[in-house]
Amino acid sequence: MLESRYVLATMLLLAGVVAHEVLPTSVMPTP
């Protein structure tokens, strides 16, 4: 059951990285 939590966290982290790489900085300004 704990594995599903780790998988969800990993997918969310990967989604954030991909979004940060694809989206321009003007849309998602990050320091």
C-alpha atoms as a PDB file:
ATOM      1  CA  MET A   1       0.000   0.000   0.000  1.00  0.00           C
ATOM      2  CA  LEU A   2       2.918   2.330   0.711  1.00  0.00           C
ATOM      3  CA  GLU A   3       4.252   1.742  -2.789  1.00  0.00           C
ATOM      4  CA  SER A   4       1.273   3.533  -4.326  1.00  0.00           C
ATOM      5  CA  ARG A   5       2.125   6.603  -2.248  1.00  0.00           C
ATOM      6  CA  TYR A   6       5.726   6.577  -3.455  1.00  0.00           C
ATOM      7  CA  VAL A   7       4.592   6.124  -7.068  1.00  0.00           C
ATOM      8  CA  LEU A   8       2.187   9.060  -6.775  1.00  0.00           C
ATOM      9  CA  ALA A   9       4.879  11.279  -5.253  1.00  0.00           C
ATOM     10  CA  THR A  10       7.345  10.277  -7.981  1.00  0.00           C
ATOM     11  CA  MET A  11       4.846  10.996 -10.757  1.00  0.00           C
ATOM     12  CA  LEU A  12       4.025  14.397  -9.252  1.00  0.00           C
ATOM     13  CA  LEU A  13       7.730  15.226  -9.003  1.00  0.00           C
ATOM     14  CA  LEU A  14       8.369  14.155 -12.606  1.00  0.00           C
ATOM     15  CA  ALA A  15       5.340  16.161 -13.775  1.00  0.00           C
ATOM     16  CA  GLY A  16       6.727  19.245 -12.025  1.00  0.00           C
ATOM     17  CA  VAL A  17      10.152  18.797 -13.615  1.00  0.00           C
ATOM     18  CA  VAL A  18       8.686  18.281 -17.092  1.00  0.00           C
ATOM     19  CA  ALA A  19       6.384  21.295 -16.702  1.00  0.00           C
ATOM     20  CA  HIS A  20       9.329  23.433 -15.554  1.00  0.00           C
ATOM     21  CA  GLU A  21      11.389  22.315 -18.554  1.00  0.00           C
ATOM     22  CA  VAL A  22       8.615  22.730 -21.137  1.00  0.00           C
ATOM     23  CA  LEU A  23       6.801  25.848 -19.942  1.00  0.00           C
ATOM     24  CA  PRO A  24       8.567  29.185 -20.461  1.00  0.00           C
ATOM     25  CA  THR A  25       9.796  31.119 -17.446  1.00  0.00           C
ATOM     26  CA  SER A  26       7.309  33.895 -18.243  1.00  0.00           C
ATOM     27  CA  VAL A  27       4.416  31.540 -17.474  1.00  0.00           C
ATOM     28  CA  MET A  28       6.017  29.947 -14.412  1.00  0.00           C
ATOM     29  CA  PRO A  29       8.521  32.408 -12.914  1.00  0.00           C
ATOM     30  CA  THR A  30      10.920  30.653 -10.543  1.00  0.00           C
ATOM     31  CA  PRO A  31      14.018  32.114  -8.851  1.00  0.00           C
END
